[in-house]
Amino acid sequence: MAKCDEGYLCEVCGLDVAEITDSDLYLRYVIGLMDPEMLHTSKERHIRCNPTLAQFIVDDEFEPVMMDGPFDKRLLDPAYVREQETLATRGWRRLREVIGTEAAIINYPLPEVRARMKEKYS
């Protein structure tokens, strides 16, 4: 099977990442943790297969992810946790917004991320 026919397989669980709202790669891109030049060369995984990031999504439509260990948000500075929850949640909601739109991929990121990208690549 050709690579392009395989879809986007999760590097953690090996299953297909069928929806953009399940994509850790695109969530990281939308919130500014993934350079757009790296999208086509980076491995994909489900958001839930990256609990370090997934634990920060706080939305009634997203089943909470808990993690144990040194990166458990319950052990981190509360101000940092609030900041990360706001960012990750906004990013996940942004992924939901772009479904079914004709938005160019360069317009997927949050406004402040797009502004930084524009400055960097101008």
C-alpha atoms as a PDB file:
ATOM      1  CA  MET A   1       0.000   0.000   0.000  1.00  0.00           C
ATOM      2  CA  ALA A   2       1.283   3.444  -0.857  1.00  0.00           C
ATOM      3  CA  LYS A   3       2.094   5.724   2.075  1.00  0.00           C
ATOM      4  CA  CYS A   4      -0.606   8.173   1.000  1.00  0.00           C
ATOM      5  CA  ASP A   5      -3.187   5.350   1.065  1.00  0.00           C
ATOM      6  CA  GLU A   6      -2.421   4.431   4.664  1.00  0.00           C
ATOM      7  CA  GLY A   7      -4.044   7.483   6.196  1.00  0.00           C
ATOM      8  CA  TYR A   8      -2.646   9.014   9.336  1.00  0.00           C
ATOM      9  CA  LEU A   9      -1.711   6.290  11.768  1.00  0.00           C
ATOM     10  CA  CYS A  10      -1.095   7.040  15.425  1.00  0.00           C
ATOM     11  CA  GLU A  11       2.520   6.408  16.368  1.00  0.00           C
ATOM     12  CA  VAL A  12       1.375   5.343  19.860  1.00  0.00           C
ATOM     13  CA  CYS A  13      -1.587   2.992  19.330  1.00  0.00           C
ATOM     14  CA  GLY A  14      -1.248   2.324  15.590  1.00  0.00           C
ATOM     15  CA  LEU A  15      -4.885   3.132  14.804  1.00  0.00           C
ATOM     16  CA  ASP A  16      -6.098   5.628  12.219  1.00  0.00           C
ATOM     17  CA  VAL A  17      -6.399   9.251  13.299  1.00  0.00           C
ATOM     18  CA  ALA A  18      -9.517   9.775  11.222  1.00  0.00           C
ATOM     19  CA  GLU A  19     -10.729  13.157  12.451  1.00  0.00           C
ATOM     20  CA  ILE A  20      -8.875  16.442  12.791  1.00  0.00           C
ATOM     21  CA  THR A  21     -10.475  16.849  16.233  1.00  0.00           C
ATOM     22  CA  ASP A  22      -8.546  13.731  17.309  1.00  0.00           C
ATOM     23  CA  SER A  23      -5.232  14.920  15.862  1.00  0.00           C
ATOM     24  CA  ASP A  24      -2.446  15.760  18.284  1.00  0.00           C
ATOM     25  CA  LEU A  25      -0.369  16.970  15.337  1.00  0.00           C
ATOM     26  CA  TYR A  26      -2.955  19.531  14.262  1.00  0.00           C
ATOM     27  CA  LEU A  27      -3.755  20.568  17.825  1.00  0.00           C
ATOM     28  CA  ARG A  28      -0.063  21.328  18.381  1.00  0.00           C
ATOM     29  CA  TYR A  29      -0.014  23.247  15.073  1.00  0.00           C
ATOM     30  CA  VAL A  30      -3.111  25.274  15.965  1.00  0.00           C
ATOM     31  CA  ILE A  31      -1.724  26.307  19.368  1.00  0.00           C
ATOM     32  CA  GLY A  32       1.748  27.108  18.068  1.00  0.00           C
ATOM     33  CA  LEU A  33       3.738  24.097  19.257  1.00  0.00           C
ATOM     34  CA  MET A  34       4.298  22.749  15.731  1.00  0.00           C
ATOM     35  CA  ASP A  35       6.052  24.683  12.984  1.00  0.00           C
ATOM     36  CA  PRO A  36       3.987  24.534   9.774  1.00  0.00           C
ATOM     37  CA  GLU A  37       7.088  23.412   7.881  1.00  0.00           C
ATOM     38  CA  MET A  38       7.170  20.279  10.054  1.00  0.00           C
ATOM     39  CA  LEU A  39       3.553  19.167   9.539  1.00  0.00           C
ATOM     40  CA  HIS A  40       4.298  16.907   6.593  1.00  0.00           C
ATOM     41  CA  THR A  41       7.306  15.244   8.223  1.00  0.00           C
ATOM     42  CA  SER A  42       6.035  14.762  11.790  1.00  0.00           C
ATOM     43  CA  LYS A  43       4.434  11.623  13.170  1.00  0.00           C
ATOM     44  CA  GLU A  44       0.745  11.697  14.010  1.00  0.00           C
ATOM     45  CA  ARG A  45      -1.004  10.497  17.132  1.00  0.00           C
ATOM     46  CA  HIS A  46      -4.394  10.817  18.749  1.00  0.00           C
ATOM     47  CA  ILE A  47      -4.786  13.682  21.195  1.00  0.00           C
ATOM     48  CA  ARG A  48      -5.700  11.131  23.863  1.00  0.00           C
ATOM     49  CA  CYS A  49      -2.468   9.231  23.109  1.00  0.00           C
ATOM     50  CA  ASN A  50      -0.571  12.326  24.285  1.00  0.00           C
ATOM     51  CA  PRO A  51      -1.919  12.723  27.838  1.00  0.00           C
ATOM     52  CA  THR A  52       0.677  15.384  28.640  1.00  0.00           C
ATOM     53  CA  LEU A  53      -1.213  17.757  26.326  1.00  0.00           C
ATOM     54  CA  ALA A  54      -4.688  16.177  26.402  1.00  0.00           C
ATOM     55  CA  GLN A  55      -5.048  16.676  30.166  1.00  0.00           C
ATOM     56  CA  PHE A  56      -5.235  20.426  29.553  1.00  0.00           C
ATOM     57  CA  ILE A  57      -8.357  20.281  27.346  1.00  0.00           C
ATOM     58  CA  VAL A  58     -11.307  21.282  29.503  1.00  0.00           C
ATOM     59  CA  ASP A  59     -14.552  21.123  27.551  1.00  0.00           C
ATOM     60  CA  ASP A  60     -17.837  19.319  28.131  1.00  0.00           C
ATOM     61  CA  GLU A  61     -17.462  17.717  24.688  1.00  0.00           C
ATOM     62  CA  PHE A  62     -14.015  16.277  25.503  1.00  0.00           C
ATOM     63  CA  GLU A  63     -13.753  13.426  27.983  1.00  0.00           C
ATOM     64  CA  PRO A  64     -11.146  14.467  30.562  1.00  0.00           C
ATOM     65  CA  VAL A  65      -7.736  12.832  30.433  1.00  0.00           C
ATOM     66  CA  MET A  66      -5.877  12.208  33.660  1.00  0.00           C
ATOM     67  CA  MET A  67      -2.239  11.317  33.840  1.00  0.00           C
ATOM     68  CA  ASP A  68       0.081  10.237  36.594  1.00  0.00           C
ATOM     69  CA  GLY A  69       3.680  11.180  37.010  1.00  0.00           C
ATOM     70  CA  PRO A  70       5.774  14.317  37.117  1.00  0.00           C
ATOM     71  CA  PHE A  71       3.801  16.052  34.320  1.00  0.00           C
ATOM     72  CA  ASP A  72       0.405  15.512  35.975  1.00  0.00           C
ATOM     73  CA  LYS A  73      -1.242  18.932  35.916  1.00  0.00           C
ATOM     74  CA  ARG A  74      -2.390  18.446  39.505  1.00  0.00           C
ATOM     75  CA  LEU A  75       1.277  18.685  40.514  1.00  0.00           C
ATOM     76  CA  LEU A  76       2.065  21.777  38.467  1.00  0.00           C
ATOM     77  CA  ASP A  77       1.842  25.476  39.266  1.00  0.00           C
ATOM     78  CA  PRO A  78      -1.858  26.481  39.191  1.00  0.00           C
ATOM     79  CA  ALA A  79      -1.189  29.615  37.091  1.00  0.00           C
ATOM     80  CA  TYR A  80       0.675  27.544  34.497  1.00  0.00           C
ATOM     81  CA  VAL A  81      -2.135  24.975  34.486  1.00  0.00           C
ATOM     82  CA  ARG A  82      -4.787  27.659  33.866  1.00  0.00           C
ATOM     83  CA  GLU A  83      -2.708  29.087  31.025  1.00  0.00           C
ATOM     84  CA  GLN A  84      -2.248  25.668  29.411  1.00  0.00           C
ATOM     85  CA  GLU A  85      -5.910  24.750  29.891  1.00  0.00           C
ATOM     86  CA  THR A  86      -6.972  27.961  28.180  1.00  0.00           C
ATOM     87  CA  LEU A  87      -4.580  27.420  25.274  1.00  0.00           C
ATOM     88  CA  ALA A  88      -5.267  23.701  24.721  1.00  0.00           C
ATOM     89  CA  THR A  89      -9.018  24.126  25.068  1.00  0.00           C
ATOM     90  CA  ARG A  90      -9.096  27.047  22.626  1.00  0.00           C
ATOM     91  CA  GLY A  91      -6.986  25.003  20.213  1.00  0.00           C
ATOM     92  CA  TRP A  92      -9.263  21.974  20.416  1.00  0.00           C
ATOM     93  CA  ARG A  93     -12.311  24.176  19.888  1.00  0.00           C
ATOM     94  CA  ARG A  94     -10.566  25.743  16.891  1.00  0.00           C
ATOM     95  CA  LEU A  95     -10.120  22.284  15.361  1.00  0.00           C
ATOM     96  CA  ARG A  96     -13.872  21.769  15.718  1.00  0.00           C
ATOM     97  CA  GLU A  97     -14.482  25.131  13.996  1.00  0.00           C
ATOM     98  CA  VAL A  98     -12.456  24.314  10.882  1.00  0.00           C
ATOM     99  CA  ILE A  99     -14.243  21.023  10.178  1.00  0.00           C
ATOM    100  CA  GLY A 100     -16.181  21.331   6.959  1.00  0.00           C
ATOM    101  CA  THR A 101     -14.917  24.811   6.166  1.00  0.00           C
ATOM    102  CA  GLU A 102     -12.840  25.737   3.193  1.00  0.00           C
ATOM    103  CA  ALA A 103     -10.300  27.521   5.384  1.00  0.00           C
ATOM    104  CA  ALA A 104      -6.741  27.218   4.151  1.00  0.00           C
ATOM    105  CA  ILE A 105      -4.536  25.237   6.519  1.00  0.00           C
ATOM    106  CA  ILE A 106      -2.447  28.363   7.142  1.00  0.00           C
ATOM    107  CA  ASN A 107      -5.573  29.882   8.758  1.00  0.00           C
ATOM    108  CA  TYR A 108      -6.189  26.997  11.185  1.00  0.00           C
ATOM    109  CA  PRO A 109      -4.008  28.333  14.033  1.00  0.00           C
ATOM    110  CA  LEU A 110      -5.301  30.614  16.744  1.00  0.00           C
ATOM    111  CA  PRO A 111      -5.065  34.338  15.868  1.00  0.00           C
ATOM    112  CA  GLU A 112      -2.019  35.013  18.039  1.00  0.00           C
ATOM    113  CA  VAL A 113      -0.231  32.009  16.540  1.00  0.00           C
ATOM    114  CA  ARG A 114      -1.022  33.200  13.007  1.00  0.00           C
ATOM    115  CA  ALA A 115       0.359  36.636  13.927  1.00  0.00           C
ATOM    116  CA  ARG A 116       3.619  35.092  15.169  1.00  0.00           C
ATOM    117  CA  MET A 117       3.850  32.948  12.034  1.00  0.00           C
ATOM    118  CA  LYS A 118       3.249  35.963   9.810  1.00  0.00           C
ATOM    119  CA  GLU A 119       6.010  37.880  11.586  1.00  0.00           C
ATOM    120  CA  LYS A 120       8.393  34.928  11.421  1.00  0.00           C
ATOM    121  CA  TYR A 121       7.830  34.147   7.742  1.00  0.00           C
ATOM    122  CA  SER A 122       7.529  37.722   6.427  1.00  0.00           C
END
